[in-house]
C-alpha atoms as a PDB file:
ATOM      1  CA  MET A   1       0.169  -0.059  -0.021  1.00  0.00           C
ATOM      2  CA  ARG A   2       1.385   3.378  -0.868  1.00  0.00           C
ATOM      3  CA  LYS A   3       1.616   6.195   1.724  1.00  0.00           C
ATOM      4  CA  PRO A   4      -0.221   9.334   0.746  1.00  0.00           C
ATOM      5  CA  PRO A   5       2.293  12.231   0.029  1.00  0.00           C
ATOM      6  CA  ILE A   6       3.224  14.588   2.645  1.00  0.00           C
ATOM      7  CA  PHE A   7       3.294  17.647   0.471  1.00  0.00           C
ATOM      8  CA  ALA A   8       0.595  19.114  -1.688  1.00  0.00           C
ATOM      9  CA  TYR A   9       3.087  20.043  -4.321  1.00  0.00           C
ATOM     10  CA  GLN A  10       5.454  17.820  -6.629  1.00  0.00           C
ATOM     11  CA  GLN A  11       8.830  19.951  -6.055  1.00  0.00           C
ATOM     12  CA  PRO A  12       9.878  22.305  -3.316  1.00  0.00           C
ATOM     13  CA  GLU A  13      10.339  25.218  -5.744  1.00  0.00           C
ATOM     14  CA  GLU A  14       6.574  25.162  -6.127  1.00  0.00           C
ATOM     15  CA  ASN A  15       6.286  26.328  -2.533  1.00  0.00           C
ATOM     16  CA  ASN A  16       6.513  30.059  -1.877  1.00  0.00           C
ATOM     17  CA  GLY A  17       7.902  29.817   1.622  1.00  0.00           C
ATOM     18  CA  TYR A  18      10.573  27.345   0.368  1.00  0.00           C
ATOM     19  CA  LEU A  19      11.450  29.867  -2.308  1.00  0.00           C
ATOM     20  CA  LEU A  20      11.616  32.926   0.040  1.00  0.00           C
ATOM     21  CA  TRP A  21      13.814  31.003   2.271  1.00  0.00           C
ATOM     22  CA  GLN A  22      16.293  30.067  -0.443  1.00  0.00           C
ATOM     23  CA  VAL A  23      16.250  33.473  -1.904  1.00  0.00           C
ATOM     24  CA  SER A  24      16.935  34.756   1.488  1.00  0.00           C
ATOM     25  CA  MET A  25      19.745  32.552   2.343  1.00  0.00           C
ATOM     26  CA  ARG A  26      21.426  33.186  -1.003  1.00  0.00           C
ATOM     27  CA  TRP A  27      21.169  36.915  -0.461  1.00  0.00           C
ATOM     28  CA  GLN A  28      22.471  36.619   3.181  1.00  0.00           C
ATOM     29  CA  LEU A  29      25.439  34.410   2.010  1.00  0.00           C
ATOM     30  CA  GLN A  30      26.602  37.138  -0.366  1.00  0.00           C
ATOM     31  CA  MET A  31      25.969  39.977   1.928  1.00  0.00           C
ATOM     32  CA  ASN A  32      27.959  38.212   4.592  1.00  0.00           C
ATOM     33  CA  ARG A  33      30.767  37.649   2.212  1.00  0.00           C
ATOM     34  CA  GLN A  34      31.057  41.063   1.237  1.00  0.00           C
ATOM     35  CA  LEU A  35      30.677  42.620   4.631  1.00  0.00           C
ATOM     36  CA  ARG A  36      33.404  40.267   5.878  1.00  0.00           C
ATOM     37  CA  LEU A  37      35.711  42.513   3.994  1.00  0.00           C
ATOM     38  CA  VAL A  38      35.129  45.345   6.395  1.00  0.00           C
ATOM     39  CA  GLY A  39      34.974  42.911   9.591  1.00  0.00           C
ATOM     40  CA  LEU A  40      31.165  42.908   9.941  1.00  0.00           C
ATOM     41  CA  THR A  41      28.396  40.404   9.824  1.00  0.00           C
ATOM     42  CA  LEU A  42      25.075  41.083   8.194  1.00  0.00           C
ATOM     43  CA  THR A  43      23.358  41.180  11.582  1.00  0.00           C
ATOM     44  CA  GLN A  44      26.052  43.730  12.797  1.00  0.00           C
ATOM     45  CA  PHE A  45      25.496  45.787   9.718  1.00  0.00           C
ATOM     46  CA  SER A  46      21.742  45.695  10.320  1.00  0.00           C
ATOM     47  CA  LEU A  47      21.834  46.838  13.919  1.00  0.00           C
ATOM     48  CA  LEU A  48      24.182  49.655  13.222  1.00  0.00           C
ATOM     49  CA  ALA A  49      22.056  50.821  10.265  1.00  0.00           C
ATOM     50  CA  GLY A  50      19.044  50.468  12.476  1.00  0.00           C
ATOM     51  CA  LEU A  51      20.750  52.607  15.147  1.00  0.00           C
ATOM     52  CA  TYR A  52      21.676  55.243  12.591  1.00  0.00           C
ATOM     53  CA  TRP A  53      18.097  55.467  11.299  1.00  0.00           C
ATOM     54  CA  LEU A  54      16.489  55.727  14.656  1.00  0.00           C
ATOM     55  CA  ASP A  55      19.159  58.169  15.863  1.00  0.00           C
ATOM     56  CA  ARG A  56      18.568  60.187  12.667  1.00  0.00           C
ATOM     57  CA  GLN A  57      14.662  60.447  13.585  1.00  0.00           C
ATOM     58  CA  GLY A  58      15.981  62.026  16.837  1.00  0.00           C
ATOM     59  CA  GLU A  59      15.029  59.005  19.117  1.00  0.00           C
ATOM     60  CA  THR A  60      16.856  58.305  21.973  1.00  0.00           C
ATOM     61  CA  VAL A  61      17.831  54.748  21.190  1.00  0.00           C
ATOM     62  CA  THR A  62      17.694  51.805  23.765  1.00  0.00           C
ATOM     63  CA  GLN A  63      18.846  48.289  23.338  1.00  0.00           C
ATOM     64  CA  GLN A  64      15.094  47.453  23.605  1.00  0.00           C
ATOM     65  CA  ARG A  65      14.092  49.958  20.958  1.00  0.00           C
ATOM     66  CA  LEU A  66      16.772  48.845  18.460  1.00  0.00           C
ATOM     67  CA  ALA A  67      15.684  45.196  18.915  1.00  0.00           C
ATOM     68  CA  ASP A  68      12.199  46.069  18.334  1.00  0.00           C
ATOM     69  CA  TYR A  69      12.957  48.097  15.205  1.00  0.00           C
ATOM     70  CA  ALA A  70      15.252  45.663  13.660  1.00  0.00           C
ATOM     71  CA  HIS A  71      13.005  42.601  14.588  1.00  0.00           C
ATOM     72  CA  THR A  72      15.788  40.842  16.549  1.00  0.00           C
ATOM     73  CA  ASP A  73      15.905  38.934  19.447  1.00  0.00           C
ATOM     74  CA  LYS A  74      16.518  40.925  22.646  1.00  0.00           C
ATOM     75  CA  MET A  75      19.421  38.607  23.875  1.00  0.00           C
ATOM     76  CA  MET A  76      21.181  38.382  20.659  1.00  0.00           C
ATOM     77  CA  THR A  77      20.789  42.142  20.001  1.00  0.00           C
ATOM     78  CA  SER A  78      22.681  42.620  23.421  1.00  0.00           C
ATOM     79  CA  LYS A  79      25.378  40.135  22.508  1.00  0.00           C
ATOM     80  CA  VAL A  80      25.942  41.732  19.011  1.00  0.00           C
ATOM     81  CA  LEU A  81      25.894  45.285  20.820  1.00  0.00           C
ATOM     82  CA  GLN A  82      28.597  44.153  23.140  1.00  0.00           C
ATOM     83  CA  THR A  83      30.688  43.142  20.297  1.00  0.00           C
ATOM     84  CA  LEU A  84      30.264  46.368  18.243  1.00  0.00           C
ATOM     85  CA  ALA A  85      31.105  48.378  21.558  1.00  0.00           C
ATOM     86  CA  LYS A  86      34.180  46.259  22.022  1.00  0.00           C
ATOM     87  CA  LYS A  87      35.009  47.316  18.354  1.00  0.00           C
ATOM     88  CA  GLY A  88      34.620  50.869  19.559  1.00  0.00           C
ATOM     89  CA  LEU A  89      31.745  51.163  16.896  1.00  0.00           C
ATOM     90  CA  VAL A  90      28.891  51.723  19.226  1.00  0.00           C
ATOM     91  CA  ALA A  91      28.924  53.748  22.564  1.00  0.00           C
ATOM     92  CA  ARG A  92      26.564  52.578  25.462  1.00  0.00           C
ATOM     93  CA  LEU A  93      25.682  55.662  27.450  1.00  0.00           C
ATOM     94  CA  GLY A  94      23.697  56.048  30.561  1.00  0.00           C
ATOM     95  CA  ASN A  95      19.934  56.889  29.727  1.00  0.00           C
ATOM     96  CA  PRO A  96      18.706  60.065  31.280  1.00  0.00           C
ATOM     97  CA  GLN A  97      14.884  58.715  31.236  1.00  0.00           C
ATOM     98  CA  ASP A  98      15.886  55.220  32.576  1.00  0.00           C
ATOM     99  CA  GLY A  99      18.875  54.550  34.738  1.00  0.00           C
ATOM    100  CA  ARG A 100      18.461  50.817  33.933  1.00  0.00           C
ATOM    101  CA  ALA A 101      18.568  51.266  30.223  1.00  0.00           C
ATOM    102  CA  LYS A 102      21.549  52.115  28.061  1.00  0.00           C
ATOM    103  CA  HIS A 103      21.249  55.004  25.391  1.00  0.00           C
ATOM    104  CA  LEU A 104      22.989  53.782  22.215  1.00  0.00           C
ATOM    105  CA  ARG A 105      25.067  55.943  19.724  1.00  0.00           C
ATOM    106  CA  LEU A 106      27.197  55.347  16.587  1.00  0.00           C
ATOM    107  CA  THR A 107      30.865  56.354  17.503  1.00  0.00           C
ATOM    108  CA  PRO A 108      32.748  58.470  14.717  1.00  0.00           C
ATOM    109  CA  ALA A 109      34.359  55.037  13.998  1.00  0.00           C
ATOM    110  CA  GLY A 110      30.903  53.497  13.703  1.00  0.00           C
ATOM    111  CA  GLU A 111      29.747  55.953  11.419  1.00  0.00           C
ATOM    112  CA  ARG A 112      32.614  55.576   8.968  1.00  0.00           C
ATOM    113  CA  LEU A 113      32.296  51.842   9.015  1.00  0.00           C
ATOM    114  CA  LEU A 114      28.692  52.059   8.421  1.00  0.00           C
ATOM    115  CA  ARG A 115      29.185  54.198   5.326  1.00  0.00           C
ATOM    116  CA  GLN A 116      31.887  51.815   4.255  1.00  0.00           C
ATOM    117  CA  ALA A 117      29.948  48.837   4.573  1.00  0.00           C
ATOM    118  CA  ASN A 118      26.657  50.469   3.226  1.00  0.00           C
ATOM    119  CA  ALA A 119      28.572  51.037  -0.242  1.00  0.00           C
ATOM    120  CA  LEU A 120      29.188  47.086  -0.230  1.00  0.00           C
ATOM    121  CA  VAL A 121      25.540  46.332   0.561  1.00  0.00           C
ATOM    122  CA  GLU A 122      24.376  48.686  -2.234  1.00  0.00           C
ATOM    123  CA  GLN A 123      26.697  46.976  -4.617  1.00  0.00           C
ATOM    124  CA  VAL A 124      25.405  43.288  -3.506  1.00  0.00           C
ATOM    125  CA  ASP A 125      21.828  44.481  -3.669  1.00  0.00           C
ATOM    126  CA  ALA A 126      22.140  45.815  -7.138  1.00  0.00           C
ATOM    127  CA  ALA A 127      24.003  42.880  -8.615  1.00  0.00           C
ATOM    128  CA  PHE A 128      21.555  40.587  -6.612  1.00  0.00           C
ATOM    129  CA  PHE A 129      18.235  42.090  -7.873  1.00  0.00           C
ATOM    130  CA  ALA A 130      19.502  42.911 -11.392  1.00  0.00           C
ATOM    131  CA  ALA A 131      17.791  39.743 -12.266  1.00  0.00           C
ATOM    132  CA  LEU A 132      14.412  41.344 -11.695  1.00  0.00           C
ATOM    133  CA  GLY A 133      14.961  44.079 -14.304  1.00  0.00           C
ATOM    134  CA  SER A 134      11.829  46.196 -14.669  1.00  0.00           C
ATOM    135  CA  GLU A 135       9.974  43.932 -12.305  1.00  0.00           C
ATOM    136  CA  ALA A 136      12.097  45.310  -9.172  1.00  0.00           C
ATOM    137  CA  LEU A 137       9.718  47.758  -8.157  1.00  0.00           C
ATOM    138  CA  ILE A 138       6.945  45.443  -8.349  1.00  0.00           C
ATOM    139  CA  PHE A 139       8.824  42.861  -6.213  1.00  0.00           C
ATOM    140  CA  ASN A 140       9.503  45.527  -3.641  1.00  0.00           C
ATOM    141  CA  GLN A 141       5.986  46.335  -3.315  1.00  0.00           C
ATOM    142  CA  LEU A 142       4.967  42.884  -2.913  1.00  0.00           C
ATOM    143  CA  MET A 143       7.627  42.339  -0.278  1.00  0.00           C
ATOM    144  CA  HIS A 144       6.417  45.503   1.538  1.00  0.00           C
ATOM    145  CA  GLN A 145       2.837  43.898   1.447  1.00  0.00           C
ATOM    146  CA  LEU A 146       4.349  40.705   2.979  1.00  0.00           C
ATOM    147  CA  PHE A 147       6.192  42.503   5.775  1.00  0.00           C
ATOM    148  CA  THR A 148       3.266  44.914   6.662  1.00  0.00           C
ATOM    149  CA  GLY A 149       0.570  42.312   6.342  1.00  0.00           C
ATOM    150  CA  PRO A 150      -1.350  40.579   9.042  1.00  0.00           C
ATOM    151  CA  LEU A 151       0.280  37.211  10.370  1.00  0.00           C
ATOM    152  CA  PRO A 152      -1.587  34.155  10.846  1.00  0.00           C
ATOM    153  CA  PRO A 153      -2.637  33.251  14.101  1.00  0.00           C
ATOM    154  CA  ASP A 154      -0.418  30.892  16.338  1.00  0.00           C
ATOM    155  CA  ARG A 155      -1.688  27.464  16.246  1.00  0.00           C
ATOM    156  CA  GLU A 156      -1.183  25.085  19.500  1.00  0.00           C
ATOM    157  CA  ALA A 157       0.766  21.872  18.771  1.00  0.00           C
END
């Protein structure tokens, strides 16, 4: 007796989630390869960039606010920020509003490295997404729709 198939599709490439994961992994691999040239990981770059954008909006940036903004795990964010502080790229200052929280700032060295790293990121993005050609704007709009759309409810196991 033949077992019923587990998947509703014939090949994994027919599944949107699988394709999104594969494309994301390929993009991250290329980003990490280039960012390694300046001594950063993609996660470190993303947190530096998030800190830059929040600071530019005039916010007093805490570790929690940065984790929320970047959609990263709080503990992982803390460890990465410790590494960035040891590298002299981020300053962790006392927060005047909350003695327990640290106010984060890019150091001048952090801003210089972010500028350098961003040039690499833009090169990778341009090369990676060039395959989309004239469809790039539509792709961006669809990705934004997925990012801002409602999440399905959690299901209990």
